[in-house]
Amino acid sequence: MRIANRTRKSDEQQRKIIERVAKVASNNASKNALNNGRSITIQQGEAIVKVHPDGSYDVIRKLENSSVIPEKRRYHL
């Protein structure tokens, strides 16, 4: 059974909205943590880095096989 073209477009629009909201929420959480004196852990290039509120950072680990792209995942709400 084929999915109607309208349904596919609607699903794509919904996915983009969720992606944008998640990105904004993640950025806000990071800024909020740093502003409140907490460190955050992020991926920076080919390393996992702990960023401190004063701007300094510690490299926790270099990533191996960083060029590997995980399979596309779908999330259903």
Protein backbone atom coordinates (compact mmCIF):
# COMPACT_ATOMS: atom_id res chain seq x y z
CA MET A 1 0.00 0.00 0.00
CA ARG A 2 1.41 3.37 -1.01
CA ILE A 3 1.37 6.33 1.32
CA ALA A 4 -0.32 9.37 -0.13
CA ASN A 5 2.07 12.09 -1.28
CA ARG A 6 0.35 14.58 1.03
CA THR A 7 1.01 12.29 4.03
CA ARG A 8 4.70 11.97 3.13
CA LYS A 9 5.06 15.75 2.87
CA SER A 10 3.29 16.19 6.19
CA ASP A 11 5.59 13.63 7.84
CA GLU A 12 8.64 15.40 6.40
CA GLN A 13 7.44 18.80 7.69
CA GLN A 14 6.77 17.30 11.11
CA ARG A 15 10.25 15.74 11.18
CA LYS A 16 11.86 19.08 10.34
CA ILE A 17 9.89 20.87 13.06
CA ILE A 18 10.85 18.26 15.67
CA GLU A 19 14.48 18.44 14.56
CA ARG A 20 14.51 22.24 14.88
CA VAL A 21 12.82 22.18 18.32
CA ALA A 22 15.28 19.54 19.58
CA LYS A 23 18.26 21.57 18.37
CA VAL A 24 16.99 24.77 20.05
CA ALA A 25 16.26 22.88 23.29
CA SER A 26 19.75 21.34 23.28
CA ASN A 27 21.41 24.71 22.70
CA ASN A 28 19.34 26.33 25.47
CA ALA A 29 20.21 23.52 27.90
CA SER A 30 23.93 23.88 27.14
CA LYS A 31 23.88 27.67 27.60
CA ASN A 32 21.82 27.36 30.78
CA ALA A 33 24.24 24.80 32.27
CA LEU A 34 27.30 26.93 31.49
CA ASN A 35 25.63 30.10 32.82
CA ASN A 36 24.84 28.28 36.08
CA GLY A 37 28.43 27.13 36.60
CA ARG A 38 28.11 23.56 35.30
CA SER A 39 30.33 21.83 32.79
CA ILE A 40 28.97 20.15 29.67
CA THR A 41 30.31 17.29 27.59
CA ILE A 42 30.21 17.61 23.79
CA GLN A 43 31.74 16.18 20.66
CA GLN A 44 34.23 18.58 19.13
CA GLY A 45 35.75 17.36 15.90
CA GLU A 46 37.13 13.88 16.57
CA ALA A 47 37.14 14.14 20.36
CA ILE A 48 34.78 14.04 23.33
CA VAL A 49 35.41 17.25 25.29
CA LYS A 50 34.28 18.53 28.69
CA VAL A 51 33.71 22.31 28.45
CA HIS A 52 33.87 24.30 31.68
CA PRO A 53 31.99 27.56 32.38
CA ASP A 54 35.23 29.59 32.28
CA GLY A 55 35.80 28.50 28.66
CA SER A 56 38.52 25.95 29.37
CA TYR A 57 38.09 22.37 28.26
CA ASP A 58 39.46 18.89 28.91
CA VAL A 59 39.74 16.27 26.18
CA ILE A 60 38.16 13.12 27.57
CA ARG A 61 38.81 10.82 24.65
CA LYS A 62 39.70 10.83 20.97
CA LEU A 63 37.14 9.05 18.82
CA GLU A 64 38.12 6.08 16.73
CA ASN A 65 36.30 5.40 13.47
CA SER A 66 34.74 8.86 13.54
CA SER A 67 34.01 8.59 9.84
CA VAL A 68 31.43 5.85 10.46
CA ILE A 69 27.92 7.13 9.85
CA PRO A 70 25.21 5.36 11.87
CA GLU A 71 22.12 4.03 10.15
CA LYS A 72 19.22 6.41 9.72
CA ARG A 73 16.88 6.10 12.66
CA ARG A 74 13.18 6.86 12.80
CA TYR A 75 11.38 8.04 15.88
CA HIS A 76 7.63 7.74 16.19
CA LEU A 77 5.71 10.00 18.53
